[in-house]
Amino acid sequence: TELAADGMTMLVVTHEMGFARQAADRVVFM
């Protein structure tokens, strides 16, 4: 979350919904 706030470009595969809510700019559902 700190890396995201610092502007790091990230592609994240995860099951952690809290992180997706808090840190994602976009959610991709596959």
PDB file of all heavy atoms in Angstrom:
ATOM      1  N   THR A   1       0.836  -1.204   0.000  1.00  0.00           N
ATOM      2  CA  THR A   1       0.000   0.000   0.000  1.00  0.00           C
ATOM      3  C   THR A   1       0.869   1.251   0.000  1.00  0.00           C
ATOM      4  O   THR A   1       0.565   2.236  -0.697  1.00  0.00           O
ATOM      5  CB  THR A   1      -0.938  -0.005   1.223  1.00  0.00           C
ATOM      6  OG1 THR A   1      -1.749  -1.180   1.172  1.00  0.00           O
ATOM      7  CG2 THR A   1      -1.846   1.214   1.223  1.00  0.00           C
ATOM      8  N   GLU A   2       1.973   1.224   0.752  1.00  0.00           N
ATOM      9  CA  GLU A   2       2.892   2.361   0.762  1.00  0.00           C
ATOM     10  C   GLU A   2       3.541   2.561  -0.612  1.00  0.00           C
ATOM     11  O   GLU A   2       3.704   3.696  -1.078  1.00  0.00           O
ATOM     12  CB  GLU A   2       3.967   2.158   1.826  1.00  0.00           C
ATOM     13  CG  GLU A   2       3.459   2.299   3.251  1.00  0.00           C
ATOM     14  CD  GLU A   2       4.509   1.896   4.283  1.00  0.00           C
ATOM     15  OE1 GLU A   2       5.701   1.790   3.907  1.00  0.00           O
ATOM     16  OE2 GLU A   2       4.129   1.689   5.448  1.00  0.00           O
ATOM     17  N   LEU A   3       3.915   1.462  -1.260  1.00  0.00           N
ATOM     18  CA  LEU A   3       4.492   1.564  -2.603  1.00  0.00           C
ATOM     19  C   LEU A   3       3.487   2.185  -3.566  1.00  0.00           C
ATOM     20  O   LEU A   3       3.839   3.031  -4.398  1.00  0.00           O
ATOM     21  CB  LEU A   3       4.905   0.177  -3.111  1.00  0.00           C
ATOM     22  CG  LEU A   3       6.084  -0.487  -2.423  1.00  0.00           C
ATOM     23  CD1 LEU A   3       6.281  -1.900  -2.968  1.00  0.00           C
ATOM     24  CD2 LEU A   3       7.357   0.328  -2.621  1.00  0.00           C
ATOM     25  N   ALA A   4       2.231   1.756  -3.473  1.00  0.00           N
ATOM     26  CA  ALA A   4       1.183   2.314  -4.330  1.00  0.00           C
ATOM     27  C   ALA A   4       1.043   3.807  -4.091  1.00  0.00           C
ATOM     28  O   ALA A   4       0.943   4.608  -5.041  1.00  0.00           O
ATOM     29  CB  ALA A   4      -0.142   1.598  -4.071  1.00  0.00           C
ATOM     30  N   ALA A   5       1.043   4.215  -2.816  1.00  0.00           N
ATOM     31  CA  ALA A   5       0.908   5.635  -2.474  1.00  0.00           C
ATOM     32  C   ALA A   5       2.102   6.450  -2.975  1.00  0.00           C
ATOM     33  O   ALA A   5       1.964   7.638  -3.286  1.00  0.00           O
ATOM     34  CB  ALA A   5       0.761   5.788  -0.964  1.00  0.00           C
ATOM     35  N   ASP A   6       3.267   5.794  -3.086  1.00  0.00           N
ATOM     36  CA  ASP A   6       4.473   6.480  -3.569  1.00  0.00           C
ATOM     37  C   ASP A   6       4.532   6.573  -5.093  1.00  0.00           C
ATOM     38  O   ASP A   6       5.487   7.119  -5.639  1.00  0.00           O
ATOM     39  CB  ASP A   6       5.728   5.761  -3.061  1.00  0.00           C
ATOM     40  CG  ASP A   6       5.944   5.949  -1.567  1.00  0.00           C
ATOM     41  OD1 ASP A   6       5.304   6.856  -0.990  1.00  0.00           O
ATOM     42  OD2 ASP A   6       6.733   5.186  -0.967  1.00  0.00           O
ATOM     43  N   GLY A   7       3.535   5.995  -5.773  1.00  0.00           N
ATOM     44  CA  GLY A   7       3.487   6.131  -7.227  1.00  0.00           C
ATOM     45  C   GLY A   7       4.118   5.004  -8.015  1.00  0.00           C
ATOM     46  O   GLY A   7       4.319   5.137  -9.227  1.00  0.00           O
ATOM     47  N   MET A   8       4.428   3.867  -7.365  1.00  0.00           N
ATOM     48  CA  MET A   8       4.974   2.730  -8.092  1.00  0.00           C
ATOM     49  C   MET A   8       3.907   2.136  -9.002  1.00  0.00           C
ATOM     50  O   MET A   8       2.765   1.960  -8.593  1.00  0.00           O
ATOM     51  CB  MET A   8       5.455   1.661  -7.096  1.00  0.00           C
ATOM     52  CG  MET A   8       5.916   0.356  -7.730  1.00  0.00           C
ATOM     53  SD  MET A   8       7.336   0.544  -8.848  1.00  0.00           S
ATOM     54  CE  MET A   8       8.648   0.857  -7.642  1.00  0.00           C
ATOM     55  N   THR A   9       4.274   1.856 -10.243  1.00  0.00           N
ATOM     56  CA  THR A   9       3.354   1.199 -11.170  1.00  0.00           C
ATOM     57  C   THR A   9       3.306  -0.283 -10.822  1.00  0.00           C
ATOM     58  O   THR A   9       4.336  -0.949 -10.761  1.00  0.00           O
ATOM     59  CB  THR A   9       3.832   1.374 -12.619  1.00  0.00           C
ATOM     60  OG1 THR A   9       4.094   2.763 -12.858  1.00  0.00           O
ATOM     61  CG2 THR A   9       2.762   0.907 -13.603  1.00  0.00           C
ATOM     62  N   MET A  10       2.088  -0.801 -10.578  1.00  0.00           N
ATOM     63  CA  MET A  10       1.956  -2.155 -10.063  1.00  0.00           C
ATOM     64  C   MET A  10       0.822  -2.892 -10.754  1.00  0.00           C
ATOM     65  O   MET A  10      -0.253  -2.336 -10.968  1.00  0.00           O
ATOM     66  CB  MET A  10       1.688  -2.111  -8.543  1.00  0.00           C
ATOM     67  CG  MET A  10       2.829  -1.516  -7.745  1.00  0.00           C
ATOM     68  SD  MET A  10       2.355  -0.925  -6.066  1.00  0.00           S
ATOM     69  CE  MET A  10       1.784  -2.439  -5.309  1.00  0.00           C
ATOM     70  N   LEU A  11       1.090  -4.145 -11.099  1.00  0.00           N
ATOM     71  CA  LEU A  11       0.065  -5.086 -11.552  1.00  0.00           C
ATOM     72  C   LEU A  11       0.016  -6.185 -10.502  1.00  0.00           C
ATOM     73  O   LEU A  11       1.002  -6.899 -10.299  1.00  0.00           O
ATOM     74  CB  LEU A  11       0.411  -5.649 -12.932  1.00  0.00           C
ATOM     75  CG  LEU A  11      -0.628  -6.606 -13.546  1.00  0.00           C
ATOM     76  CD1 LEU A  11      -1.911  -5.855 -13.901  1.00  0.00           C
ATOM     77  CD2 LEU A  11      -0.066  -7.278 -14.799  1.00  0.00           C
ATOM     78  N   VAL A  12      -1.111  -6.306  -9.816  1.00  0.00           N
ATOM     79  CA  VAL A  12      -1.198  -7.141  -8.620  1.00  0.00           C
ATOM     80  C   VAL A  12      -2.284  -8.197  -8.786  1.00  0.00           C
ATOM     81  O   VAL A  12      -3.463  -7.858  -8.957  1.00  0.00           O
ATOM     82  CB  VAL A  12      -1.503  -6.288  -7.369  1.00  0.00           C
ATOM     83  CG1 VAL A  12      -1.513  -7.167  -6.118  1.00  0.00           C
ATOM     84  CG2 VAL A  12      -0.500  -5.151  -7.223  1.00  0.00           C
ATOM     85  N   VAL A  13      -1.884  -9.460  -8.747  1.00  0.00           N
ATOM     86  CA  VAL A  13      -2.831 -10.578  -8.698  1.00  0.00           C
ATOM     87  C   VAL A  13      -3.003 -10.946  -7.231  1.00  0.00           C
ATOM     88  O   VAL A  13      -2.020 -11.272  -6.555  1.00  0.00           O
ATOM     89  CB  VAL A  13      -2.303 -11.783  -9.496  1.00  0.00           C
ATOM     90  CG1 VAL A  13      -3.204 -13.002  -9.288  1.00  0.00           C
ATOM     91  CG2 VAL A  13      -2.208 -11.441 -10.976  1.00  0.00           C
ATOM     92  N   THR A  14      -4.221 -10.866  -6.721  1.00  0.00           N
ATOM     93  CA  THR A  14      -4.424 -11.109  -5.298  1.00  0.00           C
ATOM     94  C   THR A  14      -5.860 -11.511  -5.010  1.00  0.00           C
ATOM     95  O   THR A  14      -6.767 -11.246  -5.798  1.00  0.00           O
ATOM     96  CB  THR A  14      -4.064  -9.850  -4.478  1.00  0.00           C
ATOM     97  OG1 THR A  14      -4.153 -10.151  -3.080  1.00  0.00           O
ATOM     98  CG2 THR A  14      -4.995  -8.686  -4.789  1.00  0.00           C
ATOM     99  N   HIS A  15      -6.038 -12.158  -3.860  1.00  0.00           N
ATOM    100  CA  HIS A  15      -7.373 -12.429  -3.333  1.00  0.00           C
ATOM    101  C   HIS A  15      -7.699 -11.483  -2.182  1.00  0.00           C
ATOM    102  O   HIS A  15      -8.753 -11.634  -1.555  1.00  0.00           O
ATOM    103  CB  HIS A  15      -7.463 -13.876  -2.830  1.00  0.00           C
ATOM    104  CG  HIS A  15      -7.543 -14.887  -3.937  1.00  0.00           C
ATOM    105  ND1 HIS A  15      -8.587 -14.939  -4.835  1.00  0.00           N
ATOM    106  CD2 HIS A  15      -6.694 -15.882  -4.294  1.00  0.00           C
ATOM    107  CE1 HIS A  15      -8.384 -15.922  -5.681  1.00  0.00           C
ATOM    108  NE2 HIS A  15      -7.232 -16.508  -5.387  1.00  0.00           N
ATOM    109  N   GLU A  16      -6.809 -10.533  -1.914  1.00  0.00           N
ATOM    110  CA  GLU A  16      -7.013  -9.623  -0.784  1.00  0.00           C
ATOM    111  C   GLU A  16      -7.910  -8.466  -1.212  1.00  0.00           C
ATOM    112  O   GLU A  16      -7.469  -7.491  -1.811  1.00  0.00           O
ATOM    113  CB  GLU A  16      -5.662  -9.111  -0.268  1.00  0.00           C
ATOM    114  CG  GLU A  16      -4.736 -10.189   0.260  1.00  0.00           C
ATOM    115  CD  GLU A  16      -5.319 -10.901   1.468  1.00  0.00           C
ATOM    116  OE1 GLU A  16      -6.120 -10.285   2.210  1.00  0.00           O
ATOM    117  OE2 GLU A  16      -4.984 -12.088   1.667  1.00  0.00           O
ATOM    118  N   MET A  17      -9.191  -8.580  -0.881  1.00  0.00           N
ATOM    119  CA  MET A  17     -10.163  -7.583  -1.321  1.00  0.00           C
ATOM    120  C   MET A  17      -9.930  -6.223  -0.664  1.00  0.00           C
ATOM    121  O   MET A  17     -10.172  -5.190  -1.265  1.00  0.00           O
ATOM    122  CB  MET A  17     -11.587  -8.063  -1.016  1.00  0.00           C
ATOM    123  CG  MET A  17     -11.980  -9.350  -1.733  1.00  0.00           C
ATOM    124  SD  MET A  17     -11.924  -9.221  -3.535  1.00  0.00           S
ATOM    125  CE  MET A  17     -10.578 -10.348  -3.882  1.00  0.00           C
ATOM    126  N   GLY A  18      -9.439  -6.248   0.589  1.00  0.00           N
ATOM    127  CA  GLY A  18      -9.178  -4.981   1.265  1.00  0.00           C
ATOM    128  C   GLY A  18      -8.114  -4.173   0.545  1.00  0.00           C
ATOM    129  O   GLY A  18      -8.247  -2.949   0.393  1.00  0.00           O
ATOM    130  N   PHE A  19      -7.068  -4.850   0.073  1.00  0.00           N
ATOM    131  CA  PHE A  19      -6.023  -4.152  -0.685  1.00  0.00           C
ATOM    132  C   PHE A  19      -6.592  -3.608  -1.986  1.00  0.00           C
ATOM    133  O   PHE A  19      -6.306  -2.467  -2.368  1.00  0.00           O
ATOM    134  CB  PHE A  19      -4.850  -5.093  -0.978  1.00  0.00           C
ATOM    135  CG  PHE A  19      -3.788  -4.467  -1.839  1.00  0.00           C
ATOM    136  CD1 PHE A  19      -2.837  -3.628  -1.289  1.00  0.00           C
ATOM    137  CD2 PHE A  19      -3.767  -4.693  -3.211  1.00  0.00           C
ATOM    138  CE1 PHE A  19      -1.869  -3.026  -2.077  1.00  0.00           C
ATOM    139  CE2 PHE A  19      -2.803  -4.102  -4.011  1.00  0.00           C
ATOM    140  CZ  PHE A  19      -1.849  -3.265  -3.433  1.00  0.00           C
ATOM    141  N   ALA A  20      -7.409  -4.406  -2.668  1.00  0.00           N
ATOM    142  CA  ALA A  20      -8.001  -3.959  -3.925  1.00  0.00           C
ATOM    143  C   ALA A  20      -8.856  -2.719  -3.705  1.00  0.00           C
ATOM    144  O   ALA A  20      -8.798  -1.752  -4.485  1.00  0.00           O
ATOM    145  CB  ALA A  20      -8.835  -5.077  -4.544  1.00  0.00           C
ATOM    146  N   ARG A  21      -9.639  -2.710  -2.654  1.00  0.00           N
ATOM    147  CA  ARG A  21     -10.489  -1.546  -2.352  1.00  0.00           C
ATOM    148  C   ARG A  21      -9.656  -0.308  -2.060  1.00  0.00           C
ATOM    149  O   ARG A  21      -9.974   0.793  -2.496  1.00  0.00           O
ATOM    150  CB  ARG A  21     -11.349  -1.835  -1.117  1.00  0.00           C
ATOM    151  CG  ARG A  21     -12.526  -2.766  -1.309  1.00  0.00           C
ATOM    152  CD  ARG A  21     -13.215  -2.903   0.045  1.00  0.00           C
ATOM    153  NE  ARG A  21     -14.248  -3.913   0.084  1.00  0.00           N
ATOM    154  CZ  ARG A  21     -15.534  -3.688  -0.161  1.00  0.00           C
ATOM    155  NH1 ARG A  21     -15.948  -2.485  -0.507  1.00  0.00           N
ATOM    156  NH2 ARG A  21     -16.416  -4.669  -0.068  1.00  0.00           N
ATOM    157  N   GLN A  22      -8.585  -0.508  -1.290  1.00  0.00           N
ATOM    158  CA  GLN A  22      -7.823   0.625  -0.759  1.00  0.00           C
ATOM    159  C   GLN A  22      -6.808   1.186  -1.750  1.00  0.00           C
ATOM    160  O   GLN A  22      -6.639   2.405  -1.849  1.00  0.00           O
ATOM    161  CB  GLN A  22      -7.099   0.192   0.523  1.00  0.00           C
ATOM    162  CG  GLN A  22      -6.285   1.284   1.187  1.00  0.00           C
ATOM    163  CD  GLN A  22      -5.585   0.791   2.447  1.00  0.00           C
ATOM    164  OE1 GLN A  22      -5.728  -0.369   2.847  1.00  0.00           O
ATOM    165  NE2 GLN A  22      -4.818   1.662   3.088  1.00  0.00           N
ATOM    166  N   ALA A  23      -6.115   0.307  -2.470  1.00  0.00           N
ATOM    167  CA  ALA A  23      -4.934   0.742  -3.215  1.00  0.00           C
ATOM    168  C   ALA A  23      -5.109   0.757  -4.732  1.00  0.00           C
ATOM    169  O   ALA A  23      -4.338   1.411  -5.433  1.00  0.00           O
ATOM    170  CB  ALA A  23      -3.741  -0.143  -2.859  1.00  0.00           C
ATOM    171  N   ALA A  24      -6.109   0.026  -5.259  1.00  0.00           N
ATOM    172  CA  ALA A  24      -6.220  -0.093  -6.717  1.00  0.00           C
ATOM    173  C   ALA A  24      -6.767   1.184  -7.351  1.00  0.00           C
ATOM    174  O   ALA A  24      -7.664   1.827  -6.801  1.00  0.00           O
ATOM    175  CB  ALA A  24      -7.124  -1.268  -7.078  1.00  0.00           C
ATOM    176  N   ASP A  25      -6.204   1.526  -8.503  1.00  0.00           N
ATOM    177  CA  ASP A  25      -6.832   2.537  -9.357  1.00  0.00           C
ATOM    178  C   ASP A  25      -7.904   1.897 -10.218  1.00  0.00           C
ATOM    179  O   ASP A  25      -8.947   2.499 -10.479  1.00  0.00           O
ATOM    180  CB  ASP A  25      -5.772   3.204 -10.250  1.00  0.00           C
ATOM    181  CG  ASP A  25      -4.771   4.000  -9.435  1.00  0.00           C
ATOM    182  OD1 ASP A  25      -5.203   4.942  -8.731  1.00  0.00           O
ATOM    183  OD2 ASP A  25      -3.578   3.674  -9.471  1.00  0.00           O
ATOM    184  N   ARG A  26      -7.621   0.667 -10.654  1.00  0.00           N
ATOM    185  CA  ARG A  26      -8.616  -0.093 -11.427  1.00  0.00           C
ATOM    186  C   ARG A  26      -8.582  -1.545 -10.995  1.00  0.00           C
ATOM    187  O   ARG A  26      -7.536  -2.067 -10.593  1.00  0.00           O
ATOM    188  CB  ARG A  26      -8.315  -0.017 -12.933  1.00  0.00           C
ATOM    189  CG  ARG A  26      -8.666   1.314 -13.576  1.00  0.00           C
ATOM    190  CD  ARG A  26      -8.503   1.249 -15.091  1.00  0.00           C
ATOM    191  NE  ARG A  26      -7.124   0.996 -15.463  1.00  0.00           N
ATOM    192  CZ  ARG A  26      -6.748   0.438 -16.613  1.00  0.00           C
ATOM    193  NH1 ARG A  26      -7.655   0.036 -17.494  1.00  0.00           N
ATOM    194  NH2 ARG A  26      -5.468   0.266 -16.885  1.00  0.00           N
ATOM    195  N   VAL A  27      -9.732  -2.178 -11.091  1.00  0.00           N
ATOM    196  CA  VAL A  27      -9.864  -3.604 -10.832  1.00  0.00           C
ATOM    197  C   VAL A  27     -10.169  -4.302 -12.154  1.00  0.00           C
ATOM    198  O   VAL A  27     -11.058  -3.879 -12.897  1.00  0.00           O
ATOM    199  CB  VAL A  27     -10.984  -3.884  -9.811  1.00  0.00           C
ATOM    200  CG1 VAL A  27     -11.296  -5.370  -9.755  1.00  0.00           C
ATOM    201  CG2 VAL A  27     -10.585  -3.381  -8.432  1.00  0.00           C
ATOM    202  N   VAL A  28      -9.398  -5.347 -12.443  1.00  0.00           N
ATOM    203  CA  VAL A  28      -9.634  -6.181 -13.625  1.00  0.00           C
ATOM    204  C   VAL A  28     -10.162  -7.520 -13.124  1.00  0.00           C
ATOM    205  O   VAL A  28      -9.498  -8.194 -12.334  1.00  0.00           O
ATOM    206  CB  VAL A  28      -8.328  -6.384 -14.422  1.00  0.00           C
ATOM    207  CG1 VAL A  28      -8.534  -7.397 -15.548  1.00  0.00           C
ATOM    208  CG2 VAL A  28      -7.826  -5.063 -14.982  1.00  0.00           C
ATOM    209  N   PHE A  29     -11.343  -7.888 -13.575  1.00  0.00           N
ATOM    210  CA  PHE A  29     -11.905  -9.187 -13.197  1.00  0.00           C
ATOM    211  C   PHE A  29     -11.793 -10.132 -14.373  1.00  0.00           C
ATOM    212  O   PHE A  29     -12.276  -9.856 -15.472  1.00  0.00           O
ATOM    213  CB  PHE A  29     -13.373  -9.052 -12.775  1.00  0.00           C
ATOM    214  CG  PHE A  29     -14.039 -10.376 -12.507  1.00  0.00           C
ATOM    215  CD1 PHE A  29     -13.626 -11.176 -11.443  1.00  0.00           C
ATOM    216  CD2 PHE A  29     -15.037 -10.853 -13.340  1.00  0.00           C
ATOM    217  CE1 PHE A  29     -14.212 -12.411 -11.207  1.00  0.00           C
ATOM    218  CE2 PHE A  29     -15.633 -12.087 -13.113  1.00  0.00           C
ATOM    219  CZ  PHE A  29     -15.226 -12.864 -12.038  1.00  0.00           C
ATOM    220  N   MET A  30     -11.085 -11.267 -14.142  1.00  0.00           N
ATOM    221  CA  MET A  30     -10.879 -12.251 -15.198  1.00  0.00           C
ATOM    222  C   MET A  30     -11.737 -13.485 -14.969  1.00  0.00           C
ATOM    223  O   MET A  30     -11.985 -13.890 -13.829  1.00  0.00           O
ATOM    224  CB  MET A  30      -9.400 -12.651 -15.283  1.00  0.00           C
ATOM    225  CG  MET A  30      -8.499 -11.542 -15.771  1.00  0.00           C
ATOM    226  SD  MET A  30      -6.812 -12.122 -16.155  1.00  0.00           S
ATOM    227  CE  MET A  30      -7.126 -13.144 -17.604  1.00  0.00           C
TER     228      MET A  30
END
